[in-house]
Amino acid sequence: MAVIEGLIREESDGSLSFGDYSLQEKGKVDSFEANGDVYKVKTYKDLTRLEKNGSLLLEAVPGMAVHNLKVSEKRTSFSAEGVEDTQITMELEPEKEYKILIDGVNVGSMKTNLSGKINFSVALASEPQEVKIEKM
């Protein structure tokens, strides 16, 4: 795996890959269309942010690369790659309970706040991590 050339792309299975944590200066793509939605990505070494139709979908501090992001009503999944521990914020459905799995390990459940946001950390220093967030 590696950073995403072009900052964002749609994969053959309809998932999205985005982010480049190797950039020293911010890179961005303002209107990338996929699956009937418009995405905006900003990424560099300190931040990776993806918006869908004007709303936050995912933000990571410091920056990372996201491979094969798939979002459905019940599950969100992706592979995260970076160079250090990363704090991830995602906007999901407000006031719902979600189970978070990292590399198949259940790291706990979390309830989203009124705006639908959850925060969790992923250790990316050694190798990419598979993340799944399942609605309970």
Protein backbone atom coordinates (compact mmCIF):
# COMPACT_ATOMS: atom_id res chain seq x y z
CA MET A 1 0.00 0.00 0.00
CA ALA A 2 1.05 3.57 -0.49
CA VAL A 3 -0.17 7.13 -0.61
CA ILE A 4 -2.91 7.83 -3.14
CA GLU A 5 -1.68 9.29 -6.41
CA GLY A 6 -4.01 12.12 -7.44
CA LEU A 7 -5.19 12.40 -3.79
CA ILE A 8 -8.48 10.53 -4.39
CA ARG A 9 -9.70 7.76 -6.67
CA GLU A 10 -12.62 5.40 -7.10
CA GLU A 11 -11.67 1.73 -6.99
CA SER A 12 -13.15 -0.93 -9.30
CA ASP A 13 -15.44 -2.15 -6.47
CA GLY A 14 -16.91 1.36 -5.99
CA SER A 15 -14.94 2.10 -2.82
CA LEU A 16 -12.81 5.24 -2.42
CA SER A 17 -9.11 5.60 -1.67
CA PHE A 18 -7.68 8.97 -0.68
CA GLY A 19 -4.95 10.80 1.25
CA ASP A 20 -1.23 11.50 1.09
CA TYR A 21 0.56 11.79 4.44
CA SER A 22 3.89 12.40 2.69
CA LEU A 23 2.96 15.91 1.48
CA GLN A 24 4.61 18.82 3.30
CA GLU A 25 2.06 21.33 1.93
CA LYS A 26 -1.73 20.87 1.75
CA GLY A 27 -3.04 19.18 -1.34
CA LYS A 28 -6.73 19.21 -2.18
CA VAL A 29 -9.34 18.14 -4.68
CA ASP A 30 -12.53 20.21 -4.47
CA SER A 31 -15.08 18.23 -6.44
CA PHE A 32 -14.54 14.55 -7.10
CA GLU A 33 -17.70 12.78 -8.23
CA ALA A 34 -18.32 9.13 -7.42
CA ASN A 35 -21.49 7.06 -6.99
CA GLY A 36 -23.69 10.15 -7.41
CA ASP A 37 -21.95 12.07 -4.59
CA VAL A 38 -19.44 14.93 -4.60
CA TYR A 39 -16.33 14.55 -2.43
CA LYS A 40 -13.73 17.05 -1.30
CA VAL A 41 -10.39 15.92 0.07
CA LYS A 42 -7.64 17.91 1.83
CA THR A 43 -4.50 16.06 2.80
CA TYR A 44 -0.90 16.47 3.91
CA LYS A 45 1.40 15.27 6.70
CA ASP A 46 -0.66 16.88 9.49
CA LEU A 47 -4.25 16.23 8.33
CA THR A 48 -6.40 14.17 5.99
CA ARG A 49 -10.04 15.25 5.63
CA LEU A 50 -12.80 13.90 3.41
CA GLU A 51 -16.15 15.63 2.95
CA LYS A 52 -19.14 14.11 1.19
CA ASN A 53 -21.73 16.48 -0.27
CA GLY A 54 -20.45 19.29 1.98
CA SER A 55 -20.46 17.32 5.26
CA LEU A 56 -17.54 15.77 7.11
CA LEU A 57 -17.12 12.06 6.50
CA LEU A 58 -13.64 11.41 7.94
CA GLU A 59 -10.81 13.48 9.42
CA ALA A 60 -7.44 12.14 10.57
CA VAL A 61 -4.73 13.91 12.57
CA PRO A 62 -1.94 13.54 11.59
CA GLY A 63 -2.57 12.76 7.92
CA MET A 64 -2.95 9.23 6.57
CA ALA A 65 -3.90 7.32 3.45
CA VAL A 66 -7.27 5.56 3.38
CA HIS A 67 -7.71 2.57 1.11
CA ASN A 68 -11.03 1.06 0.00
CA LEU A 69 -13.43 3.18 2.09
CA LYS A 70 -16.87 1.60 1.93
CA VAL A 71 -19.84 3.21 3.68
CA SER A 72 -23.25 1.60 4.10
CA GLU A 73 -26.11 2.08 6.54
CA LYS A 74 -24.81 -0.64 8.88
CA ARG A 75 -21.04 -0.67 8.30
CA THR A 76 -18.11 1.54 7.38
CA SER A 77 -14.79 -0.11 6.54
CA PHE A 78 -11.38 0.95 5.28
CA SER A 79 -7.67 0.29 5.55
CA ALA A 80 -5.65 3.08 7.20
CA GLU A 81 -1.97 3.72 6.50
CA GLY A 82 0.31 6.32 8.09
CA VAL A 83 3.52 6.88 9.99
CA GLU A 84 2.30 7.34 13.57
CA ASP A 85 -0.67 6.95 15.89
CA THR A 86 -3.60 8.79 14.34
CA GLN A 87 -6.76 10.32 15.81
CA ILE A 88 -9.77 9.71 13.55
CA THR A 89 -13.06 11.60 13.65
CA MET A 90 -15.98 10.28 11.62
CA GLU A 91 -19.46 11.65 11.12
CA LEU A 92 -22.06 8.91 11.21
CA GLU A 93 -25.70 8.79 12.30
CA PRO A 94 -26.46 10.97 15.38
CA GLU A 95 -27.00 9.33 18.78
CA LYS A 96 -26.41 5.76 17.65
CA GLU A 97 -24.16 3.07 19.13
CA TYR A 98 -21.27 1.73 17.01
CA LYS A 99 -18.81 -1.12 17.53
CA ILE A 100 -15.22 -0.37 16.42
CA LEU A 101 -12.96 -3.17 15.21
CA ILE A 102 -9.30 -2.66 14.34
CA ASP A 103 -7.65 -5.57 12.56
CA GLY A 104 -10.53 -7.77 13.70
CA VAL A 105 -10.16 -6.84 17.38
CA ASN A 106 -13.19 -5.27 19.04
CA VAL A 107 -11.76 -2.15 20.73
CA GLY A 108 -15.13 -1.16 22.17
CA SER A 109 -18.37 0.55 21.37
CA MET A 110 -19.10 4.22 21.19
CA LYS A 111 -22.22 6.35 20.96
CA THR A 112 -22.18 9.23 18.49
CA ASN A 113 -23.00 12.71 19.77
CA LEU A 114 -25.84 14.95 18.54
CA SER A 115 -23.89 15.78 15.39
CA GLY A 116 -23.11 12.09 14.74
CA LYS A 117 -19.37 12.28 15.45
CA ILE A 118 -17.15 9.64 17.01
CA ASN A 119 -13.41 9.81 17.75
CA PHE A 120 -10.94 6.96 18.07
CA SER A 121 -7.22 6.31 17.64
CA VAL A 122 -5.40 3.89 15.37
CA ALA A 123 -1.73 2.87 15.75
CA LEU A 124 -0.28 3.24 12.26
CA ALA A 125 3.44 3.36 12.99
CA SER A 126 4.20 -0.24 12.06
CA GLU A 127 1.72 -1.34 9.38
CA PRO A 128 -1.67 -0.52 7.83
CA GLN A 129 -4.71 -1.29 9.98
CA GLU A 130 -8.13 -2.56 8.87
CA VAL A 131 -10.92 -0.51 10.48
CA LYS A 132 -14.59 -1.53 10.67
CA ILE A 133 -17.30 0.49 12.33
CA GLU A 134 -20.57 -1.39 12.74
CA LYS A 135 -23.90 0.03 13.83
CA MET A 136 -25.30 -1.88 16.79
